[in-house]
Amino acid sequence: MTGVAALGGQGVGRITRYFYFWVVLVAVFTAAAATHIALAITYSELWPVWVALALLVVAVGCARAAVRARP
């Protein structure tokens, strides 16, 4: 047994309640990543690329939480 079945539906309440919150976070982190990618292209620097990749990882995590919380 894995996931929600193993928990008996307990412990994931915070994730399952806030679908739109997670969707907004995905949009915010994706927009921030796009801004950092634009900075990297404009100024030919490498650090914004690493920041953008980190932001995209966070956005993917938020998207996964949104999928689990969808109504």
Protein backbone atom coordinates (compact mmCIF):
# COMPACT_ATOMS: atom_id res chain seq x y z
CA MET A 1 0.00 0.00 0.00
CA THR A 2 1.35 3.38 -0.91
CA GLY A 3 0.24 6.99 -1.02
CA VAL A 4 -3.09 8.08 0.34
CA ALA A 5 -4.31 4.51 0.86
CA ALA A 6 -1.42 3.78 3.21
CA LEU A 7 -2.17 6.94 5.15
CA GLY A 8 -5.85 6.18 5.32
CA GLY A 9 -6.61 9.54 3.79
CA GLN A 10 -4.84 11.28 6.66
CA GLY A 11 -1.87 13.59 6.40
CA VAL A 12 -2.52 14.99 2.95
CA GLY A 13 -5.30 17.35 4.00
CA ARG A 14 -3.25 20.48 3.53
CA ILE A 15 -2.27 19.46 0.02
CA THR A 16 -5.77 18.48 -1.05
CA ARG A 17 -7.45 21.64 0.19
CA TYR A 18 -5.65 24.36 -1.68
CA PHE A 19 -5.88 23.58 -5.40
CA TYR A 20 -6.00 27.20 -6.61
CA PHE A 21 -3.22 28.19 -4.22
CA TRP A 22 -0.94 25.61 -5.88
CA VAL A 23 -2.00 26.74 -9.35
CA VAL A 24 -1.11 30.36 -8.51
CA LEU A 25 2.27 29.26 -7.14
CA VAL A 26 2.98 27.36 -10.36
CA ALA A 27 2.23 30.51 -12.37
CA VAL A 28 4.40 32.70 -10.13
CA PHE A 29 7.42 30.39 -10.12
CA THR A 30 7.17 29.75 -13.87
CA ALA A 31 7.00 33.49 -14.59
CA ALA A 32 10.00 34.09 -12.33
CA ALA A 33 11.93 31.37 -14.13
CA ALA A 34 11.07 32.90 -17.51
CA THR A 35 12.31 36.28 -16.25
CA HIS A 36 15.61 34.76 -15.17
CA ILE A 37 16.02 33.02 -18.51
CA ALA A 38 15.45 36.37 -20.24
CA LEU A 39 18.10 37.93 -17.99
CA ALA A 40 20.54 35.16 -18.86
CA ILE A 41 19.99 35.72 -22.58
CA THR A 42 20.15 39.52 -22.33
CA TYR A 43 23.27 39.79 -20.18
CA SER A 44 25.04 36.57 -21.22
CA GLU A 45 25.48 35.44 -17.63
CA LEU A 46 25.14 31.93 -16.31
CA TRP A 47 23.80 32.43 -12.78
CA PRO A 48 20.23 33.34 -13.89
CA VAL A 49 20.04 29.99 -15.69
CA TRP A 50 20.72 28.10 -12.46
CA VAL A 51 18.17 30.22 -10.60
CA ALA A 52 15.65 29.57 -13.38
CA LEU A 53 16.22 25.83 -13.18
CA ALA A 54 15.71 25.90 -9.41
CA LEU A 55 12.50 27.89 -9.86
CA LEU A 56 11.25 25.42 -12.45
CA VAL A 57 11.91 22.54 -10.06
CA VAL A 58 9.81 24.32 -7.44
CA ALA A 59 7.10 25.01 -10.04
CA VAL A 60 6.98 21.32 -10.97
CA GLY A 61 6.59 20.41 -7.31
CA CYS A 62 3.73 22.87 -6.98
CA ALA A 63 2.14 21.50 -10.16
CA ARG A 64 2.29 17.97 -8.76
CA ALA A 65 0.63 19.20 -5.56
CA ALA A 66 -2.06 20.94 -7.65
CA VAL A 67 -2.74 17.73 -9.57
CA ARG A 68 -3.15 15.85 -6.29
CA ALA A 69 -5.44 18.59 -4.93
CA ARG A 70 -7.65 19.09 -7.98
CA PRO A 71 -11.35 19.12 -7.16
